[in-house]
Amino acid sequence: MSLRQRLAQLAGSLQEPQKVARFQRLCGVEAPASRTATATADPREDEKAEAPPAGDCRRRELQLGASGGPTPPGSDRNQCPSKPGGGGAPNGVRNGLATELGPASTRRAGALRRNSLTGEEGQLAHVSNWPLYYLFCFGTELGNELFYILFFPFWIWNLDALVGRRLVVIWVLVMYLGQCTKDIIRLPRPASPPVVKLEVFYNSEYSMPSTHAMSGTAIPISMILLTYGRWQYPLIYGLILVPCWCSLVCLSRIYMGMHSILDIIAGFLYTILILAIFYPFVELIDSFNQTHKYAPLIIIGLHLALGIFSFTLDTWSTSRGDTAEILGSGAGIACGSHFTYKMGLILDPPLDILPLARPPISVTLFGKAILRILIGMVFVLVVRDTMKKITIPLACKVFNIPCSDIRKARQHMEVELPYRYITYGMVGFSITFLVPYIFFFIGIS
């Protein structure tokens, strides 16, 4: 057997959903007994029992195979069809509409997050190890919007604006390449059953590479690369942080039933490759964003062009909006840092005083940090909600798209791209310019 054949065999083994299900059972997660028994006894009966209303993608797939002929390639009872033109795996998996199976139980976990765009909910499952459940819930949140909208502002407002800006540059690059690679490779999520889908928020996206794994690898490694030598602390702290953070995020995605082992390994190795190639240019990019005369125009144009390109890769899924959101945030933060630098609101410490020492903790320092977080986050959330209410109806009106059903309207590129890009562009601009200006004005900068 050649090396290529061995690698292909290994990749196929690592992609098996049975391995994901085995890990879930090892961690104390199992599907309700009635569902498992039905699926084992007669999969066709399970399909009929969960058949959705007419028009749903699962019903259409069942009808395709109803004539007794071979099932279409890549079809799965929980998967939506692929692009109309064919080619590639189905884009996402429609899983487990959360209907109660049997009597209620205090040892049963429900949906972690409901996908507001697709209406999907996580499957009900029996959980016997609740500490692991909550640990992996925390791990998966380290790759979600709530974490990012707290983490990056905290660095920029309270710790080190330079490190915060450069972390954003790396995050945008890694996440953008990860999302686009998903839509090029087009591998489906692990099949359910045997996998129990505890979370379906990103279920309409493709599977490989895992962008959670990419983020969970890029952020801690970049934090150490950017801070070691700039700040005084023992390197052992970083050597402990990186594997703990990375393994927690990666294992949480297998635990939630969202990724195979192959997806996680691919995301990790892909991130290492991206960092090895692009990390040496991060300082140059950050300097350009702050100092170049035409930086804002170039930043906005480049990020918008990348967003348009990503929207042409495949049919709609939640990855379209996520990609536009990432690019908009990156563009807004970069533009905000340009104007902040020009006005002298946040000045990076001179190189001759490095490495920086941690300031002594005091009531004043702690109080100002809390005030900055509270005031800043309130302002950012107001900006986000205001821009959302303005941009969606405006885009619908400009492009003559019905706005009665917001969920359907947002599936049009003409609506979702400007909505996400402008909204989160303003969020990023607020984080690096408007909020620091407020801090300077009220004296807590």
Protein backbone atom coordinates (compact mmCIF):
# COMPACT_ATOMS: atom_id res chain seq x y z
CA MET A 1 0.00 0.00 0.00
CA SER A 2 1.42 3.39 -1.03
CA LEU A 3 1.82 6.34 1.32
CA ARG A 4 -1.04 8.17 -0.39
CA GLN A 5 -3.37 5.22 0.09
CA ARG A 6 -2.39 4.94 3.74
CA LEU A 7 -3.04 8.64 4.30
CA ALA A 8 -6.40 8.37 2.53
CA GLN A 9 -7.31 5.39 4.70
CA LEU A 10 -6.27 7.26 7.84
CA ALA A 11 -8.28 10.33 6.81
CA GLY A 12 -11.34 8.18 6.18
CA SER A 13 -10.98 6.58 9.58
CA LEU A 14 -10.64 9.94 11.34
CA GLN A 15 -13.75 11.21 9.55
CA GLU A 16 -16.02 8.39 10.74
CA PRO A 17 -19.02 9.66 12.75
CA GLN A 18 -18.84 6.53 14.90
CA LYS A 19 -15.66 7.90 16.48
CA VAL A 20 -17.46 11.13 17.37
CA ALA A 21 -20.36 9.17 18.86
CA ARG A 22 -17.91 7.00 20.82
CA PHE A 23 -16.25 10.11 22.28
CA GLN A 24 -19.67 11.50 23.23
CA ARG A 25 -20.61 8.28 25.01
CA LEU A 26 -17.25 8.28 26.78
CA CYS A 27 -18.06 11.79 28.05
CA GLY A 28 -21.57 10.79 29.15
CA VAL A 29 -23.72 11.94 26.22
CA GLU A 30 -26.23 9.54 24.69
CA ALA A 31 -29.31 9.88 22.52
CA PRO A 32 -32.68 9.11 24.17
CA ALA A 33 -33.28 5.36 24.27
CA SER A 34 -36.46 5.49 22.17
CA ARG A 35 -34.69 7.30 19.34
CA THR A 36 -31.69 4.99 19.43
CA ALA A 37 -33.85 1.88 19.41
CA THR A 38 -35.94 3.12 16.50
CA ALA A 39 -32.90 4.06 14.45
CA THR A 40 -31.29 0.70 15.10
CA ALA A 41 -34.40 -1.34 14.37
CA ASP A 42 -35.52 0.34 11.18
CA PRO A 43 -33.94 3.53 9.86
CA ARG A 44 -36.77 3.98 7.35
CA GLU A 45 -39.33 4.09 10.14
CA ASP A 46 -37.25 6.73 11.88
CA GLU A 47 -37.20 8.73 8.67
CA LYS A 48 -40.99 8.59 8.41
CA ALA A 49 -41.43 9.53 12.05
CA GLU A 50 -39.31 12.64 11.64
CA ALA A 51 -40.47 13.57 8.15
CA PRO A 52 -40.86 17.34 8.00
CA PRO A 53 -43.66 19.23 6.30
CA ALA A 54 -43.80 19.33 2.53
CA GLY A 55 -41.15 21.56 1.03
CA ASP A 56 -38.46 20.79 3.59
CA CYS A 57 -35.16 19.58 2.18
CA ARG A 58 -35.30 16.28 4.09
CA ARG A 59 -38.70 15.38 2.61
CA ARG A 60 -37.36 16.10 -0.87
CA GLU A 61 -34.45 13.75 -0.33
CA LEU A 62 -36.70 10.97 0.91
CA GLN A 63 -38.84 11.33 -2.18
CA LEU A 64 -35.77 11.04 -4.40
CA GLY A 65 -35.01 7.63 -2.96
CA ALA A 66 -38.58 6.42 -2.72
CA SER A 67 -38.65 4.71 -6.11
CA GLY A 68 -36.51 1.86 -4.86
CA GLY A 69 -33.47 2.90 -6.88
CA PRO A 70 -30.12 3.81 -5.42
CA THR A 71 -30.02 6.70 -3.01
CA PRO A 72 -28.47 9.85 -4.53
CA PRO A 73 -24.77 10.23 -3.70
CA GLY A 74 -24.13 12.04 -0.47
CA SER A 75 -27.75 11.88 0.65
CA ASP A 76 -28.47 11.46 4.32
CA ARG A 77 -31.77 11.51 6.08
CA ASN A 78 -30.65 14.64 7.95
CA GLN A 79 -28.87 16.45 5.15
CA CYS A 80 -30.00 19.17 2.82
CA PRO A 81 -29.22 18.81 -0.89
CA SER A 82 -26.08 20.30 -2.32
CA LYS A 83 -25.92 23.14 -4.82
CA PRO A 84 -28.43 22.95 -7.66
CA GLY A 85 -25.61 22.45 -10.13
CA GLY A 86 -24.37 19.37 -8.33
CA GLY A 87 -20.88 18.67 -7.12
CA GLY A 88 -19.67 18.56 -3.57
CA ALA A 89 -21.21 17.34 -0.40
CA PRO A 90 -24.52 18.61 0.98
CA ASN A 91 -24.25 22.00 2.61
CA GLY A 92 -25.06 21.35 6.23
CA VAL A 93 -27.17 18.89 8.14
CA ARG A 94 -30.74 19.36 9.26
CA ASN A 95 -30.85 17.73 12.64
CA GLY A 96 -33.17 16.93 15.47
CA LEU A 97 -36.04 19.38 15.62
CA ALA A 98 -36.42 19.42 19.37
CA THR A 99 -39.57 17.50 20.01
CA GLU A 100 -39.91 15.87 23.39
CA LEU A 101 -39.32 12.13 23.34
CA GLY A 102 -40.95 10.38 26.25
CA PRO A 103 -41.44 11.78 29.75
CA ALA A 104 -39.39 14.75 30.88
CA SER A 105 -36.20 13.97 32.74
CA THR A 106 -34.01 16.11 34.96
CA ARG A 107 -30.97 14.38 33.45
CA ARG A 108 -31.72 15.46 29.89
CA ALA A 109 -29.98 18.31 28.08
CA GLY A 110 -31.79 20.28 25.43
CA ALA A 111 -30.61 22.69 22.75
CA LEU A 112 -27.61 24.82 23.55
CA ARG A 113 -28.28 27.38 20.87
CA ARG A 114 -31.17 27.69 18.48
CA ASN A 115 -30.33 28.77 14.94
CA SER A 116 -32.59 31.76 14.41
CA LEU A 117 -32.00 31.71 10.65
CA THR A 118 -32.85 28.06 9.99
CA GLY A 119 -35.10 27.28 12.97
CA GLU A 120 -33.00 24.25 13.93
CA GLU A 121 -32.53 23.18 17.53
CA GLY A 122 -30.12 20.77 19.13
CA GLN A 123 -31.21 17.21 19.84
CA LEU A 124 -32.36 16.19 23.27
CA ALA A 125 -29.80 13.95 24.93
CA HIS A 126 -29.13 12.13 28.17
CA VAL A 127 -26.13 13.67 29.94
CA SER A 128 -24.57 11.74 32.80
CA ASN A 129 -21.45 13.90 33.31
CA TRP A 130 -22.63 17.46 33.89
CA PRO A 131 -19.23 18.99 34.80
CA LEU A 132 -17.93 17.94 31.39
CA TYR A 133 -21.09 19.25 29.75
CA TYR A 134 -20.64 22.75 31.19
CA LEU A 135 -16.88 22.68 30.57
CA PHE A 136 -17.37 21.94 26.88
CA CYS A 137 -20.20 24.50 26.67
CA PHE A 138 -17.64 27.04 27.85
CA GLY A 139 -15.08 25.68 25.38
CA THR A 140 -17.40 26.03 22.41
CA GLU A 141 -18.31 29.59 23.46
CA LEU A 142 -14.62 30.51 23.09
CA GLY A 143 -15.26 30.44 19.34
CA ASN A 144 -18.59 32.28 19.26
CA GLU A 145 -19.59 35.92 18.80
CA LEU A 146 -20.24 36.57 22.49
CA PHE A 147 -16.63 35.74 23.33
CA TYR A 148 -15.16 37.83 20.52
CA ILE A 149 -17.24 40.90 21.32
CA LEU A 150 -15.96 40.79 24.91
CA PHE A 151 -12.41 39.54 24.37
CA PHE A 152 -11.05 41.95 21.75
CA PRO A 153 -12.47 45.13 23.34
CA PHE A 154 -11.09 44.05 26.72
CA TRP A 155 -7.59 43.82 25.25
CA ILE A 156 -7.88 47.14 23.42
CA TRP A 157 -9.45 49.12 26.27
CA ASN A 158 -7.76 47.64 29.33
CA LEU A 159 -4.64 45.63 28.52
CA ASP A 160 -2.66 46.51 25.39
CA ALA A 161 -4.21 48.16 22.34
CA LEU A 162 -1.33 47.10 20.07
CA VAL A 163 -1.71 43.43 21.00
CA GLY A 164 -5.50 43.69 20.65
CA ARG A 165 -5.29 45.19 17.16
CA ARG A 166 -2.83 42.59 15.93
CA LEU A 167 -4.85 39.76 17.42
CA VAL A 168 -7.78 41.01 15.34
CA VAL A 169 -5.64 41.06 12.18
CA ILE A 170 -4.64 37.42 12.75
CA TRP A 171 -8.17 36.37 13.71
CA VAL A 172 -9.69 37.92 10.57
CA LEU A 173 -7.13 36.27 8.31
CA VAL A 174 -7.44 32.83 9.92
CA MET A 175 -11.23 32.84 10.07
CA TYR A 176 -11.66 34.15 6.53
CA LEU A 177 -9.37 31.51 5.04
CA GLY A 178 -11.07 28.85 7.15
CA GLN A 179 -14.59 29.80 6.05
CA CYS A 180 -13.61 29.97 2.38
CA THR A 181 -11.79 26.64 2.56
CA LYS A 182 -14.93 25.03 4.00
CA ASP A 183 -16.91 26.12 0.97
CA ILE A 184 -14.26 24.84 -1.42
CA ILE A 185 -13.81 21.39 0.17
CA ARG A 186 -17.53 21.01 1.05
CA LEU A 187 -17.48 18.09 3.47
CA PRO A 188 -20.70 17.49 5.44
CA ARG A 189 -21.04 17.51 9.19
CA PRO A 190 -20.90 14.15 11.03
CA ALA A 191 -24.06 12.13 10.36
CA SER A 192 -26.76 11.92 13.01
CA PRO A 193 -27.35 9.17 14.08
CA PRO A 194 -24.98 7.94 15.40
CA VAL A 195 -23.79 11.41 16.45
CA VAL A 196 -25.92 13.45 18.88
CA LYS A 197 -26.09 17.08 17.76
CA LEU A 198 -26.14 19.14 20.96
CA GLU A 199 -25.60 22.38 19.06
CA VAL A 200 -26.77 23.29 15.56
CA PHE A 201 -26.02 26.99 15.38
CA TYR A 202 -23.44 26.44 12.62
CA ASN A 203 -25.02 23.27 11.26
CA SER A 204 -25.85 24.67 7.83
CA GLU A 205 -22.14 25.24 7.18
CA TYR A 206 -19.71 22.69 5.84
CA SER A 207 -17.43 20.85 8.20
CA MET A 208 -13.75 20.90 7.27
CA PRO A 209 -11.69 22.61 8.54
CA SER A 210 -13.16 23.44 11.92
CA THR A 211 -13.01 27.22 12.27
CA HIS A 212 -13.57 26.84 16.01
CA ALA A 213 -10.39 24.76 16.12
CA MET A 214 -8.63 27.36 13.97
CA SER A 215 -9.66 30.21 16.25
CA GLY A 216 -8.89 28.16 19.35
CA THR A 217 -5.40 27.56 17.99
CA ALA A 218 -4.64 30.98 16.52
CA ILE A 219 -5.71 33.17 19.44
CA PRO A 220 -3.68 31.62 22.30
CA ILE A 221 -0.58 31.09 20.15
CA SER A 222 -0.78 34.65 18.84
CA MET A 223 -1.27 36.01 22.35
CA ILE A 224 2.02 34.43 23.43
CA LEU A 225 3.87 35.48 20.27
CA LEU A 226 2.67 39.08 20.64
CA THR A 227 3.15 39.48 24.40
CA TYR A 228 6.25 37.47 25.28
CA GLY A 229 9.16 39.89 25.35
CA ARG A 230 6.78 42.85 25.29
CA TRP A 231 5.47 42.08 28.80
CA GLN A 232 7.32 40.58 31.74
CA TYR A 233 5.95 37.13 32.60
CA PRO A 234 7.32 33.58 32.76
CA LEU A 235 7.12 31.69 29.46
CA ILE A 236 5.75 28.66 31.31
CA TYR A 237 2.41 30.51 31.63
CA GLY A 238 2.13 30.59 27.87
CA LEU A 239 3.20 26.99 27.48
CA ILE A 240 0.37 26.00 29.82
CA LEU A 241 -2.24 28.34 28.30
CA VAL A 242 -1.84 27.29 24.65
CA PRO A 243 -2.51 23.52 24.97
CA CYS A 244 -5.27 24.01 27.55
CA TRP A 245 -7.15 26.61 25.47
CA CYS A 246 -6.62 24.79 22.17
CA SER A 247 -7.59 21.33 23.43
CA LEU A 248 -10.67 22.66 25.25
CA VAL A 249 -12.05 24.33 22.13
CA CYS A 250 -11.18 21.43 19.83
CA LEU A 251 -12.60 18.70 22.06
CA SER A 252 -15.75 20.74 22.68
CA ARG A 253 -16.60 20.63 18.96
CA ILE A 254 -16.39 16.83 18.93
CA TYR A 255 -18.41 16.69 22.15
CA MET A 256 -21.13 18.86 20.61
CA GLY A 257 -21.29 16.54 17.60
CA MET A 258 -20.36 19.29 15.16
CA HIS A 259 -17.01 18.05 13.85
CA SER A 260 -15.12 14.86 13.14
CA ILE A 261 -11.61 14.23 14.43
CA LEU A 262 -10.32 14.91 10.91
CA ASP A 263 -11.97 18.36 10.88
CA ILE A 264 -10.24 19.28 14.14
CA ILE A 265 -6.79 18.08 13.06
CA ALA A 266 -7.15 19.86 9.70
CA GLY A 267 -8.16 23.10 11.44
CA PHE A 268 -5.20 22.90 13.82
CA LEU A 269 -2.60 22.16 11.12
CA TYR A 270 -4.10 24.73 8.73
CA THR A 271 -3.80 27.42 11.40
CA ILE A 272 -0.16 26.55 12.10
CA LEU A 273 0.55 26.88 8.36
CA ILE A 274 -1.23 30.25 8.15
CA LEU A 275 0.62 31.62 11.17
CA ALA A 276 3.97 30.40 9.84
CA ILE A 277 3.39 32.23 6.54
CA PHE A 278 1.59 35.41 7.59
CA TYR A 279 2.66 36.17 11.16
CA PRO A 280 5.88 37.97 10.06
CA PHE A 281 3.70 40.47 8.17
CA VAL A 282 1.32 41.31 11.04
CA GLU A 283 3.45 44.21 12.31
CA LEU A 284 3.68 45.64 8.79
CA ILE A 285 -0.10 45.38 8.31
CA ASP A 286 -0.81 47.05 11.65
CA SER A 287 1.64 49.87 10.89
CA PHE A 288 0.05 50.38 7.47
CA ASN A 289 -3.45 50.51 8.98
CA GLN A 290 -2.40 53.25 11.39
CA THR A 291 -0.09 55.44 9.35
CA HIS A 292 -0.79 55.19 5.62
CA LYS A 293 -2.63 58.18 4.20
CA TYR A 294 -5.14 56.15 2.22
CA ALA A 295 -5.37 53.22 4.62
CA PRO A 296 -9.14 53.55 5.36
CA LEU A 297 -10.08 53.46 1.67
CA ILE A 298 -7.80 50.51 0.97
CA ILE A 299 -9.01 48.63 4.07
CA ILE A 300 -12.69 49.10 3.25
CA GLY A 301 -12.25 48.21 -0.42
CA LEU A 302 -10.14 45.12 0.26
CA HIS A 303 -12.41 43.70 2.95
CA LEU A 304 -15.51 44.37 0.85
CA ALA A 305 -13.95 42.66 -2.19
CA LEU A 306 -13.06 39.62 -0.09
CA GLY A 307 -16.64 39.52 1.19
CA ILE A 308 -18.10 39.60 -2.32
CA PHE A 309 -15.72 36.82 -3.39
CA SER A 310 -16.72 34.60 -0.47
CA PHE A 311 -20.42 35.02 -1.29
CA THR A 312 -19.85 33.54 -4.75
CA LEU A 313 -18.29 30.31 -3.49
CA ASP A 314 -21.46 28.39 -2.73
CA THR A 315 -25.17 28.56 -2.01
CA TRP A 316 -26.37 30.34 1.12
CA SER A 317 -25.44 29.11 4.56
CA THR A 318 -24.72 30.82 7.86
CA SER A 319 -21.04 30.96 6.87
CA ARG A 320 -21.91 33.73 4.40
CA GLY A 321 -23.03 36.06 7.16
CA ASP A 322 -20.24 34.96 9.49
CA THR A 323 -17.63 35.78 6.85
CA ALA A 324 -19.10 39.22 6.19
CA GLU A 325 -19.29 39.80 9.95
CA ILE A 326 -15.61 38.89 10.39
CA LEU A 327 -14.50 41.09 7.50
CA GLY A 328 -16.67 43.99 8.63
CA SER A 329 -15.32 43.80 12.17
CA GLY A 330 -11.74 43.68 10.92
CA ALA A 331 -12.25 46.63 8.59
CA GLY A 332 -13.95 48.70 11.30
CA ILE A 333 -11.24 48.01 13.89
CA ALA A 334 -8.48 48.79 11.39
CA CYS A 335 -10.12 52.05 10.29
CA GLY A 336 -10.80 53.02 13.88
CA SER A 337 -7.16 52.44 14.82
CA HIS A 338 -6.13 54.74 11.95
CA PHE A 339 -8.19 57.66 13.26
CA THR A 340 -7.25 56.88 16.87
CA TYR A 341 -3.57 57.10 15.91
CA LYS A 342 -4.06 60.35 13.98
CA MET A 343 -5.82 61.97 16.97
CA GLY A 344 -3.42 60.55 19.56
CA LEU A 345 -6.18 58.93 21.65
CA ILE A 346 -4.23 55.70 22.26
CA LEU A 347 -0.45 55.88 22.06
CA ASP A 348 1.64 52.71 22.04
CA PRO A 349 4.51 52.77 24.53
CA PRO A 350 7.97 53.50 23.03
CA LEU A 351 10.16 50.52 22.26
CA ASP A 352 12.96 51.63 24.58
CA ILE A 353 10.90 50.94 27.71
CA LEU A 354 10.06 47.35 26.77
CA PRO A 355 9.42 44.88 28.31
CA LEU A 356 6.45 46.34 30.12
CA ALA A 357 5.81 45.51 33.75
CA ARG A 358 2.36 44.71 35.08
CA PRO A 359 1.00 47.76 36.92
CA PRO A 360 0.12 47.26 40.59
CA ILE A 361 -3.53 46.37 41.14
CA SER A 362 -5.39 49.18 42.89
CA VAL A 363 -9.00 50.14 43.51
CA THR A 364 -8.69 53.01 41.03
CA LEU A 365 -7.22 50.82 38.30
CA PHE A 366 -9.82 48.11 38.85
CA GLY A 367 -12.68 50.63 38.97
CA LYS A 368 -11.63 52.30 35.72
CA ALA A 369 -11.37 48.92 34.01
CA ILE A 370 -14.89 47.99 35.09
CA LEU A 371 -16.24 51.37 33.97
CA ARG A 372 -14.58 51.05 30.58
CA ILE A 373 -16.07 47.60 30.03
CA LEU A 374 -19.59 48.61 31.14
CA ILE A 375 -19.73 51.92 29.27
CA GLY A 376 -17.95 50.56 26.21
CA MET A 377 -20.08 47.43 25.85
CA VAL A 378 -23.34 49.34 26.30
CA PHE A 379 -22.28 51.74 23.55
CA VAL A 380 -21.16 48.92 21.25
CA LEU A 381 -24.41 46.96 21.71
CA VAL A 382 -26.49 50.07 21.05
CA VAL A 383 -24.51 50.71 17.86
CA ARG A 384 -24.95 47.09 16.74
CA ASP A 385 -28.72 47.02 17.33
CA THR A 386 -29.23 50.45 15.75
CA MET A 387 -27.26 49.60 12.62
CA LYS A 388 -29.07 46.28 12.31
CA LYS A 389 -32.47 47.99 12.38
CA ILE A 390 -31.33 50.49 9.76
CA THR A 391 -29.34 48.36 7.30
CA ILE A 392 -31.69 45.40 6.76
CA PRO A 393 -34.79 47.41 5.70
CA LEU A 394 -32.60 49.82 3.74
CA ALA A 395 -30.90 47.01 1.79
CA CYS A 396 -34.28 45.39 1.11
CA LYS A 397 -35.60 48.68 -0.22
CA VAL A 398 -32.56 49.43 -2.38
CA PHE A 399 -32.50 45.97 -3.97
CA ASN A 400 -36.30 45.55 -4.07
CA ILE A 401 -36.34 42.45 -1.85
CA PRO A 402 -39.44 41.68 0.28
CA CYS A 403 -38.75 42.53 3.90
CA SER A 404 -41.80 40.89 5.48
CA ASP A 405 -39.77 37.78 6.36
CA ILE A 406 -36.42 38.95 7.75
CA ARG A 407 -35.07 35.38 7.81
CA LYS A 408 -35.59 34.91 4.09
CA ALA A 409 -34.50 38.45 3.24
CA ARG A 410 -31.16 37.92 4.97
CA GLN A 411 -30.45 34.92 2.76
CA HIS A 412 -29.99 37.26 -0.21
CA MET A 413 -26.41 38.39 -0.75
CA GLU A 414 -27.66 41.91 -1.50
CA VAL A 415 -29.07 42.10 2.03
CA GLU A 416 -26.77 40.00 4.17
CA LEU A 417 -23.46 41.34 2.88
CA PRO A 418 -24.19 45.06 3.47
CA TYR A 419 -26.08 44.33 6.70
CA ARG A 420 -23.28 42.33 8.27
CA TYR A 421 -20.44 44.35 6.79
CA ILE A 422 -21.79 47.78 7.71
CA THR A 423 -23.19 46.76 11.10
CA TYR A 424 -20.06 45.04 12.34
CA GLY A 425 -17.85 47.55 10.61
CA MET A 426 -19.45 50.19 12.83
CA VAL A 427 -19.04 47.90 15.84
CA GLY A 428 -15.32 47.57 15.10
CA PHE A 429 -14.97 51.31 14.46
CA SER A 430 -16.66 51.99 17.78
CA ILE A 431 -14.30 49.65 19.63
CA THR A 432 -11.12 51.35 18.43
CA PHE A 433 -12.23 54.96 17.93
CA LEU A 434 -15.61 56.07 19.23
CA VAL A 435 -15.43 54.33 22.61
CA PRO A 436 -11.80 55.41 23.32
CA TYR A 437 -12.88 58.97 22.46
CA ILE A 438 -15.68 58.68 25.04
CA PHE A 439 -13.18 57.39 27.59
CA PHE A 440 -10.88 60.35 26.86
CA PHE A 441 -13.77 62.79 27.12
CA ILE A 442 -14.97 61.55 30.53
CA GLY A 443 -11.47 61.00 31.90
CA ILE A 444 -11.19 57.21 32.24
CA SER A 445 -8.82 56.50 29.35
